[in-house]
Amino acid sequence: MAEITDHELIYKAQAGDRQSFSMLVERHYKLMFRVAWQWCGIREDAEDIAQEATIKLAANINAFRFESSFTTWLCRIVINTTKDYYKAKNRKTAREQPIFEDVQYTSPEPSPEQKLIYKDVLTAISALPESLKETVILVFWQGLSHKEAGETLKCPEGTISWRLHEARKKITGTLETGQKGARHG
């Protein structure tokens, strides 16, 4: 038996089928949590945000028009929920642990020297302005294309390219400053 597609689940959920909605959430909950976790770095907040995003998804499922991928649309909901969550709490994200401590390597375990470099890069990413950080998260961590990231962030594809260019410049600057400090420190 073929697995039911997201589109089939969405159509059914839009028609009021609660079981289809539950299946859709179950299928994409890890993505929702991961985006929230990568954004804020606080497990309890990420869990709360994923739950709030699920509620927003239920309230807005009928607004999905199949013009973009569902995951692109869902990422936008999670990012907006994250921003709303922190505005409501009237605080900035304060990672409970540095962003590099929850990294999972997809290739062979790096050497200790490589880990130090990765740590510095991830620290620089976590210090980026919000718009650059969310772009890096979507493109490099979630694997969205520039077009999909643009749809998610409601900006032109060219803006995504520019943001990634700016992020690279800022990360490079941060790393170079850190290396100079290490040599002179």
Protein backbone atom coordinates (compact mmCIF):
# COMPACT_ATOMS: atom_id res chain seq x y z
CA MET A 1 0.00 0.00 0.00
CA ALA A 2 1.40 3.40 -1.01
CA GLU A 3 2.08 5.96 1.70
CA ILE A 4 -0.38 8.83 1.76
CA THR A 5 1.22 12.06 0.50
CA ASP A 6 1.42 15.37 2.34
CA HIS A 7 -0.93 16.90 -0.22
CA GLU A 8 -3.54 14.21 0.41
CA LEU A 9 -3.22 14.73 4.17
CA ILE A 10 -3.48 18.50 3.77
CA TYR A 11 -6.61 18.26 1.57
CA LYS A 12 -8.23 15.98 4.12
CA ALA A 13 -7.14 18.16 7.06
CA GLN A 14 -8.54 21.22 5.28
CA ALA A 15 -11.82 19.33 4.99
CA GLY A 16 -11.83 18.81 8.76
CA ASP A 17 -10.30 15.31 9.03
CA ARG A 18 -8.56 15.39 12.42
CA GLN A 19 -6.77 12.09 11.89
CA SER A 20 -5.16 13.41 8.70
CA PHE A 21 -4.08 16.56 10.53
CA SER A 22 -2.57 14.44 13.31
CA MET A 23 -0.70 12.33 10.76
CA LEU A 24 0.62 15.50 9.10
CA VAL A 25 1.85 16.89 12.42
CA GLU A 26 3.39 13.57 13.39
CA ARG A 27 5.22 13.42 10.06
CA HIS A 28 6.64 16.95 10.39
CA TYR A 29 7.00 17.47 14.14
CA LYS A 30 10.73 16.70 14.15
CA LEU A 31 11.26 19.40 11.51
CA MET A 32 9.25 21.89 13.57
CA PHE A 33 11.22 21.12 16.72
CA ARG A 34 14.56 21.16 14.88
CA VAL A 35 13.95 24.59 13.33
CA ALA A 36 12.87 25.99 16.71
CA TRP A 37 15.86 24.35 18.46
CA GLN A 38 18.34 25.64 15.88
CA TRP A 39 16.88 29.10 16.26
CA CYS A 40 16.77 29.40 20.04
CA GLY A 41 18.98 26.62 21.43
CA ILE A 42 16.83 26.09 24.51
CA ARG A 43 15.19 22.68 24.50
CA GLU A 44 12.19 23.63 26.66
CA ASP A 45 11.54 26.74 24.58
CA ALA A 46 11.88 24.73 21.36
CA GLU A 47 9.32 22.23 22.66
CA ASP A 48 6.92 25.07 23.58
CA ILE A 49 7.47 26.74 20.22
CA ALA A 50 6.83 23.49 18.32
CA GLN A 51 3.59 23.05 20.28
CA GLU A 52 2.52 26.63 19.57
CA ALA A 53 3.42 26.16 15.90
CA THR A 54 1.18 23.07 15.85
CA ILE A 55 -1.69 25.18 17.16
CA LYS A 56 -0.99 27.86 14.54
CA LEU A 57 -0.83 25.16 11.87
CA ALA A 58 -4.26 23.90 12.92
CA ALA A 59 -5.68 27.42 12.82
CA ASN A 60 -4.12 28.19 9.43
CA ILE A 61 -4.15 24.89 7.53
CA ASN A 62 -6.87 26.25 5.24
CA ALA A 63 -4.56 29.11 4.25
CA PHE A 64 -2.12 26.68 2.60
CA ARG A 65 -2.66 27.06 -1.16
CA PHE A 66 -0.16 24.51 -2.54
CA GLU A 67 1.85 27.33 -4.15
CA SER A 68 5.04 26.32 -2.32
CA SER A 69 6.16 23.14 -0.65
CA PHE A 70 4.42 22.36 2.60
CA THR A 71 7.72 22.21 4.49
CA THR A 72 8.68 25.68 3.22
CA TRP A 73 5.35 27.04 4.44
CA LEU A 74 5.67 25.16 7.73
CA CYS A 75 9.19 26.51 8.37
CA ARG A 76 7.79 30.03 8.01
CA ILE A 77 5.14 29.25 10.63
CA VAL A 78 7.80 27.92 13.02
CA ILE A 79 10.11 30.91 12.51
CA ASN A 80 7.23 33.35 13.04
CA THR A 81 6.12 31.41 16.11
CA THR A 82 9.67 31.57 17.48
CA LYS A 83 9.83 35.33 17.00
CA ASP A 84 6.37 35.78 18.55
CA TYR A 85 7.33 33.54 21.47
CA TYR A 86 10.32 35.69 22.35
CA LYS A 87 8.46 38.95 21.80
CA ALA A 88 5.75 37.74 24.19
CA LYS A 89 8.42 36.81 26.74
CA ASN A 90 10.03 40.21 26.10
CA ARG A 91 13.50 38.73 25.87
CA LYS A 92 16.15 37.70 23.45
CA THR A 93 17.14 34.11 22.90
CA ALA A 94 19.83 33.07 25.34
CA ARG A 95 21.07 29.67 24.31
CA GLU A 96 21.26 27.22 27.19
CA GLN A 97 24.28 25.74 25.51
CA PRO A 98 26.40 27.01 22.68
CA ILE A 99 25.04 26.20 19.24
CA PHE A 100 28.00 23.92 18.50
CA GLU A 101 27.26 21.51 21.35
CA ASP A 102 24.20 20.02 19.66
CA VAL A 103 25.91 19.45 16.31
CA GLN A 104 25.49 16.04 14.79
CA TYR A 105 28.13 15.19 12.21
CA THR A 106 26.90 13.57 9.01
CA SER A 107 30.39 12.62 7.85
CA PRO A 108 33.14 10.85 9.77
CA GLU A 109 33.99 12.34 13.15
CA PRO A 110 36.21 15.39 12.61
CA SER A 111 39.64 15.78 14.17
CA PRO A 112 39.98 17.89 17.34
CA GLU A 113 41.39 20.74 15.23
CA GLN A 114 38.43 20.56 12.84
CA LYS A 115 36.04 20.57 15.81
CA LEU A 116 37.61 23.80 17.07
CA ILE A 117 37.16 25.39 13.65
CA TYR A 118 33.53 24.19 13.47
CA LYS A 119 32.93 25.55 16.98
CA ASP A 120 34.23 28.97 15.95
CA VAL A 121 32.08 28.97 12.79
CA LEU A 122 28.94 27.96 14.67
CA THR A 123 29.60 30.56 17.36
CA ALA A 124 29.90 33.18 14.61
CA ILE A 125 26.61 31.99 13.06
CA SER A 126 24.80 32.27 16.39
CA ALA A 127 25.95 35.90 16.65
CA LEU A 128 24.56 36.90 13.24
CA PRO A 129 21.66 39.35 12.95
CA GLU A 130 18.27 37.63 12.90
CA SER A 131 17.63 37.85 9.14
CA LEU A 132 21.05 36.42 8.28
CA LYS A 133 20.83 33.67 10.91
CA GLU A 134 17.40 32.51 9.75
CA THR A 135 18.65 32.40 6.16
CA VAL A 136 21.70 30.32 7.14
CA ILE A 137 19.49 27.95 9.16
CA LEU A 138 17.08 27.39 6.27
CA VAL A 139 19.66 27.02 3.49
CA PHE A 140 22.54 25.26 5.19
CA TRP A 141 20.85 23.33 8.01
CA GLN A 142 17.45 22.61 6.53
CA GLY A 143 18.75 22.22 2.96
CA LEU A 144 16.25 24.60 1.34
CA SER A 145 17.14 26.03 -2.04
CA HIS A 146 17.52 29.80 -2.36
CA LYS A 147 14.09 29.88 -3.99
CA GLU A 148 12.46 27.86 -1.18
CA ALA A 149 14.17 29.98 1.48
CA GLY A 150 12.90 33.10 -0.30
CA GLU A 151 9.36 31.71 -0.28
CA THR A 152 9.68 30.84 3.40
CA LEU A 153 11.06 34.25 4.36
CA LYS A 154 8.82 36.11 1.90
CA CYS A 155 11.66 37.80 0.07
CA PRO A 156 13.19 37.53 -3.41
CA GLU A 157 15.65 34.77 -4.20
CA GLY A 158 18.28 37.46 -4.80
CA THR A 159 17.84 38.67 -1.22
CA ILE A 160 18.62 35.16 0.02
CA SER A 161 21.83 35.14 -2.04
CA TRP A 162 22.75 38.57 -0.69
CA ARG A 163 22.03 37.51 2.91
CA LEU A 164 24.21 34.42 2.53
CA HIS A 165 26.99 36.57 1.06
CA GLU A 166 26.70 38.98 4.00
CA ALA A 167 26.61 36.09 6.48
CA ARG A 168 29.79 34.65 4.96
CA LYS A 169 31.50 38.06 5.20
CA LYS A 170 30.48 38.49 8.84
CA ILE A 171 31.50 34.93 9.73
CA THR A 172 34.85 35.37 7.98
CA GLY A 173 35.39 38.69 9.78
CA THR A 174 34.57 37.13 13.12
CA LEU A 175 36.92 34.21 12.48
CA GLU A 176 39.74 36.49 11.35
CA THR A 177 39.29 38.69 14.43
CA GLY A 178 39.34 35.58 16.62
CA GLN A 179 42.52 34.29 14.97
CA LYS A 180 44.27 37.65 15.40
CA GLY A 181 43.22 37.69 19.05
CA ALA A 182 44.50 34.15 19.55
CA ARG A 183 47.90 35.07 18.08
CA HIS A 184 48.23 38.20 20.18
CA GLY A 185 46.56 36.90 23.31
